[in-house]
């Protein structure tokens, strides 16, 4: 999925899909020099759902609804909805 494309919204993602999208978000944040956001999204593959949710929420707070990061914000919102799928 590209950050230049329209996002397909999904509410039934599994752990592998969530991890893949988190890596996309981390790469985008790093490229955009959003170091704090990229750091929060590093090493998330084995995190418990509660910790993963906490990190994504913190990223959203740091992004502060800035329009230039709207797609990143939307992806993080979608991932937060999907965290409930994790066991």
Protein backbone atom coordinates (compact mmCIF):
# COMPACT_ATOMS: atom_id res chain seq x y z
CA UNK A 1 0.00 0.00 0.00
CA UNK A 2 1.40 3.34 -0.99
CA UNK A 3 1.08 6.58 0.90
CA UNK A 4 0.21 8.19 -2.46
CA UNK A 5 -2.86 6.00 -2.98
CA UNK A 6 -6.33 5.94 -1.57
CA UNK A 7 -6.42 3.80 1.54
CA UNK A 8 -8.64 0.73 1.73
CA UNK A 9 -10.16 0.70 5.21
CA UNK A 10 -10.19 -2.71 6.88
CA UNK A 11 -11.44 -3.77 10.30
CA UNK A 12 -10.42 -7.43 10.21
CA UNK A 13 -6.65 -7.31 9.94
CA UNK A 14 -4.53 -10.07 11.47
CA UNK A 15 -1.18 -9.64 13.24
CA UNK A 16 0.85 -10.03 10.03
CA UNK A 17 -1.19 -7.36 8.24
CA UNK A 18 -0.98 -5.02 11.23
CA UNK A 19 2.78 -5.51 11.46
CA UNK A 20 3.21 -4.86 7.74
CA UNK A 21 1.22 -1.63 7.91
CA UNK A 22 3.06 -0.53 11.04
CA UNK A 23 6.32 -0.96 9.13
CA UNK A 24 4.93 1.19 6.29
CA UNK A 25 3.97 3.84 8.84
CA UNK A 26 7.39 3.65 10.50
CA UNK A 27 9.17 4.00 7.15
CA UNK A 28 7.02 6.97 6.18
CA UNK A 29 7.61 8.65 9.54
CA UNK A 30 11.36 8.14 9.23
CA UNK A 31 11.38 9.54 5.69
CA UNK A 32 9.35 12.54 6.86
CA UNK A 33 11.88 13.10 9.66
CA UNK A 34 9.27 12.34 12.32
CA UNK A 35 11.89 10.68 14.48
CA UNK A 36 9.77 10.39 17.62
CA UNK A 37 6.92 8.77 15.70
CA UNK A 38 9.29 6.40 13.89
CA UNK A 39 10.85 5.40 17.22
CA UNK A 40 7.44 4.61 18.72
CA UNK A 41 6.69 2.37 15.73
CA UNK A 42 9.98 0.47 15.97
CA UNK A 43 10.08 -2.97 17.52
CA UNK A 44 6.32 -3.47 17.63
CA UNK A 45 6.09 -6.96 16.10
CA UNK A 46 5.72 -8.85 19.38
CA UNK A 47 4.11 -6.21 21.58
CA UNK A 48 0.98 -6.98 23.55
CA UNK A 49 -2.15 -5.33 22.14
CA UNK A 50 -2.38 -2.87 25.06
CA UNK A 51 1.21 -1.64 24.56
CA UNK A 52 0.74 -1.46 20.79
CA UNK A 53 -2.41 0.60 21.26
CA UNK A 54 -0.60 2.88 23.70
CA UNK A 55 2.23 3.52 21.22
CA UNK A 56 -0.09 4.23 18.31
CA UNK A 57 -2.16 6.60 20.46
CA UNK A 58 1.02 8.43 21.44
CA UNK A 59 1.97 8.73 17.76
CA UNK A 60 -1.42 10.24 16.97
CA UNK A 61 -0.97 12.73 19.78
CA UNK A 62 2.46 13.71 18.45
CA UNK A 63 1.08 14.16 14.92
CA UNK A 64 -1.56 16.50 16.34
CA UNK A 65 -3.95 16.18 13.35
CA UNK A 66 -1.50 17.92 10.99
CA UNK A 67 -2.97 17.90 7.49
CA UNK A 68 0.29 16.94 5.78
CA UNK A 69 0.26 13.65 7.70
CA UNK A 70 -3.44 12.87 7.16
CA UNK A 71 -2.88 9.49 5.50
CA UNK A 72 -0.44 8.41 8.22
CA UNK A 73 -2.98 9.48 10.83
CA UNK A 74 -5.74 7.57 9.03
CA UNK A 75 -3.60 4.43 8.88
CA UNK A 76 -2.80 4.65 12.58
CA UNK A 77 -6.51 5.14 13.35
CA UNK A 78 -7.35 2.05 11.30
CA UNK A 79 -4.63 0.06 13.06
CA UNK A 80 -6.01 1.09 16.44
CA UNK A 81 -9.40 -0.29 15.45
CA UNK A 82 -7.72 -3.55 14.40
CA UNK A 83 -5.71 -4.04 17.58
CA UNK A 84 -8.80 -5.64 19.14
CA UNK A 85 -8.30 -8.53 16.67
CA UNK A 86 -5.05 -9.49 18.36
CA UNK A 87 -4.98 -12.15 21.03
